[in-house]
Amino acid sequence: MKATIDGARIEYDVRGEGPAILLLHAFPLGLSMWDAQGEALCGTHRVVRFDARGFGGSDPGRGPLTMERIADDGAYLLEHLGVEKAVVGGCSMGG
């Protein structure tokens, strides 16, 4: 699925129902790095993953990619999905 966030088309995946978990991938990987964790958690949680700008299926957008931009995109994606709160996990630059 894709959502337009601050002028960029962002690829994302949502699986499961329950409390939300947002997973942020490492540089230079993508949302698929969380496939096993998403599969393990989707029976009890709503697992949200996305490709950071310029990775996987996401457009690069404008301006530099910073950790703040990744965090903002995650927050905007949660808002787009109607998620009011989530546990956030990340690895490397996504951490």
C-alpha atoms as a PDB file:
ATOM      1  CA  MET A   1       0.000   0.000   0.000  1.00  0.00           C
ATOM      2  CA  LYS A   2       1.086   3.598  -0.467  1.00  0.00           C
ATOM      3  CA  ALA A   3       0.290   6.853   1.297  1.00  0.00           C
ATOM      4  CA  THR A   4       1.315  10.359   0.307  1.00  0.00           C
ATOM      5  CA  ILE A   5       3.204  11.904   3.203  1.00  0.00           C
ATOM      6  CA  ASP A   6       4.567  15.438   2.853  1.00  0.00           C
ATOM      7  CA  GLY A   7       4.754  15.158  -0.934  1.00  0.00           C
ATOM      8  CA  ALA A   8       6.305  11.673  -1.142  1.00  0.00           C
ATOM      9  CA  ARG A   9       4.601   8.355  -1.906  1.00  0.00           C
ATOM     10  CA  ILE A  10       5.525   6.056   0.989  1.00  0.00           C
ATOM     11  CA  GLU A  11       5.211   2.265   0.716  1.00  0.00           C
ATOM     12  CA  TYR A  12       3.788   0.637   3.835  1.00  0.00           C
ATOM     13  CA  ASP A  13       2.360  -2.628   5.134  1.00  0.00           C
ATOM     14  CA  VAL A  14      -0.141  -3.245   7.928  1.00  0.00           C
ATOM     15  CA  ARG A  15      -0.990  -6.668   9.317  1.00  0.00           C
ATOM     16  CA  GLY A  16      -3.013  -7.938  12.237  1.00  0.00           C
ATOM     17  CA  GLU A  17      -5.296  -6.425  14.848  1.00  0.00           C
ATOM     18  CA  GLY A  18      -4.701  -5.226  18.370  1.00  0.00           C
ATOM     19  CA  PRO A  19      -2.263  -2.785  19.948  1.00  0.00           C
ATOM     20  CA  ALA A  20      -0.136  -1.084  17.284  1.00  0.00           C
ATOM     21  CA  ILE A  21       3.572  -1.652  16.769  1.00  0.00           C
ATOM     22  CA  LEU A  22       5.516   0.578  14.349  1.00  0.00           C
ATOM     23  CA  LEU A  23       8.775  -0.940  13.081  1.00  0.00           C
ATOM     24  CA  LEU A  24      11.484   1.276  11.521  1.00  0.00           C
ATOM     25  CA  HIS A  25      14.031  -0.445   9.291  1.00  0.00           C
ATOM     26  CA  ALA A  26      17.810  -0.170   9.257  1.00  0.00           C
ATOM     27  CA  PHE A  27      19.854   1.700   6.652  1.00  0.00           C
ATOM     28  CA  PRO A  28      19.989   0.631   3.766  1.00  0.00           C
ATOM     29  CA  LEU A  29      17.261  -2.032   4.048  1.00  0.00           C
ATOM     30  CA  GLY A  30      13.476  -1.777   3.856  1.00  0.00           C
ATOM     31  CA  LEU A  31      10.270  -2.874   5.521  1.00  0.00           C
ATOM     32  CA  SER A  32      10.905  -6.491   4.511  1.00  0.00           C
ATOM     33  CA  MET A  33      13.673  -6.748   7.116  1.00  0.00           C
ATOM     34  CA  TRP A  34      10.807  -7.106   9.604  1.00  0.00           C
ATOM     35  CA  ASP A  35       8.983  -9.947   7.775  1.00  0.00           C
ATOM     36  CA  ALA A  36       9.631 -12.580  10.459  1.00  0.00           C
ATOM     37  CA  GLN A  37       8.778 -10.237  13.337  1.00  0.00           C
ATOM     38  CA  GLY A  38       5.647  -9.017  11.563  1.00  0.00           C
ATOM     39  CA  GLU A  39       4.493 -12.580  11.017  1.00  0.00           C
ATOM     40  CA  ALA A  40       5.170 -13.492  14.653  1.00  0.00           C
ATOM     41  CA  LEU A  41       3.357 -10.437  16.053  1.00  0.00           C
ATOM     42  CA  CYS A  42       0.368 -10.035  13.718  1.00  0.00           C
ATOM     43  CA  GLY A  43      -1.709 -12.594  15.615  1.00  0.00           C
ATOM     44  CA  THR A  44      -1.920 -10.285  18.624  1.00  0.00           C
ATOM     45  CA  HIS A  45      -0.893  -6.837  17.324  1.00  0.00           C
ATOM     46  CA  ARG A  46      -1.405  -4.407  14.460  1.00  0.00           C
ATOM     47  CA  VAL A  47       2.058  -4.357  12.880  1.00  0.00           C
ATOM     48  CA  VAL A  48       2.874  -1.237  10.826  1.00  0.00           C
ATOM     49  CA  ARG A  49       6.025  -1.090   8.672  1.00  0.00           C
ATOM     50  CA  PHE A  50       7.114   1.313   5.942  1.00  0.00           C
ATOM     51  CA  ASP A  51       9.984   1.938   3.556  1.00  0.00           C
ATOM     52  CA  ALA A  52      11.847   5.117   4.471  1.00  0.00           C
ATOM     53  CA  ARG A  53      12.093   7.722   1.701  1.00  0.00           C
ATOM     54  CA  GLY A  54      14.274   6.502  -1.151  1.00  0.00           C
ATOM     55  CA  PHE A  55      14.212   2.855  -0.017  1.00  0.00           C
ATOM     56  CA  GLY A  56      12.141  -0.048  -1.301  1.00  0.00           C
ATOM     57  CA  GLY A  57       8.911   1.207  -2.821  1.00  0.00           C
ATOM     58  CA  SER A  58       9.043   4.734  -1.386  1.00  0.00           C
ATOM     59  CA  ASP A  59       9.812   7.873  -3.359  1.00  0.00           C
ATOM     60  CA  PRO A  60      12.820   9.909  -2.209  1.00  0.00           C
ATOM     61  CA  GLY A  61      10.748  13.065  -1.765  1.00  0.00           C
ATOM     62  CA  ARG A  62      12.432  16.403  -1.364  1.00  0.00           C
ATOM     63  CA  GLY A  63      15.178  17.382   1.048  1.00  0.00           C
ATOM     64  CA  PRO A  64      17.656  15.216   2.907  1.00  0.00           C
ATOM     65  CA  LEU A  65      16.707  11.991   4.647  1.00  0.00           C
ATOM     66  CA  THR A  66      17.305  12.453   8.362  1.00  0.00           C
ATOM     67  CA  MET A  67      16.359  10.447  11.423  1.00  0.00           C
ATOM     68  CA  GLU A  68      13.906  13.220  12.265  1.00  0.00           C
ATOM     69  CA  ARG A  69      12.299  12.865   8.818  1.00  0.00           C
ATOM     70  CA  ILE A  70      11.931   9.099   9.299  1.00  0.00           C
ATOM     71  CA  ALA A  71      10.317   9.663  12.720  1.00  0.00           C
ATOM     72  CA  ASP A  72       7.982  12.318  11.294  1.00  0.00           C
ATOM     73  CA  ASP A  73       6.981  10.034   8.412  1.00  0.00           C
ATOM     74  CA  GLY A  74       6.209   7.263  10.903  1.00  0.00           C
ATOM     75  CA  ALA A  75       4.061   9.619  12.980  1.00  0.00           C
ATOM     76  CA  TYR A  76       2.213  10.874   9.887  1.00  0.00           C
ATOM     77  CA  LEU A  77       1.644   7.296   8.717  1.00  0.00           C
ATOM     78  CA  LEU A  78       0.152   6.346  12.085  1.00  0.00           C
ATOM     79  CA  GLU A  79      -2.109   9.400  11.860  1.00  0.00           C
ATOM     80  CA  HIS A  80      -3.110   8.405   8.296  1.00  0.00           C
ATOM     81  CA  LEU A  81      -4.067   4.961   9.631  1.00  0.00           C
ATOM     82  CA  GLY A  82      -6.003   6.383  12.589  1.00  0.00           C
ATOM     83  CA  VAL A  83      -3.577   4.945  15.142  1.00  0.00           C
ATOM     84  CA  GLU A  84      -3.459   7.108  18.266  1.00  0.00           C
ATOM     85  CA  LYS A  85      -0.583   5.333  20.017  1.00  0.00           C
ATOM     86  CA  ALA A  86       1.954   2.656  19.166  1.00  0.00           C
ATOM     87  CA  VAL A  87       5.008   0.937  20.499  1.00  0.00           C
ATOM     88  CA  VAL A  88       7.920   1.902  18.237  1.00  0.00           C
ATOM     89  CA  GLY A  89      10.844  -0.379  17.468  1.00  0.00           C
ATOM     90  CA  GLY A  90      13.786   0.170  15.196  1.00  0.00           C
ATOM     91  CA  CYS A  91      17.219  -0.997  14.230  1.00  0.00           C
ATOM     92  CA  SER A  92      20.328   0.997  13.301  1.00  0.00           C
ATOM     93  CA  MET A  93      19.326   4.317  11.675  1.00  0.00           C
ATOM     94  CA  GLY A  94      15.682   3.321  12.228  1.00  0.00           C
ATOM     95  CA  GLY A  95      16.384   2.999  15.957  1.00  0.00           C
END
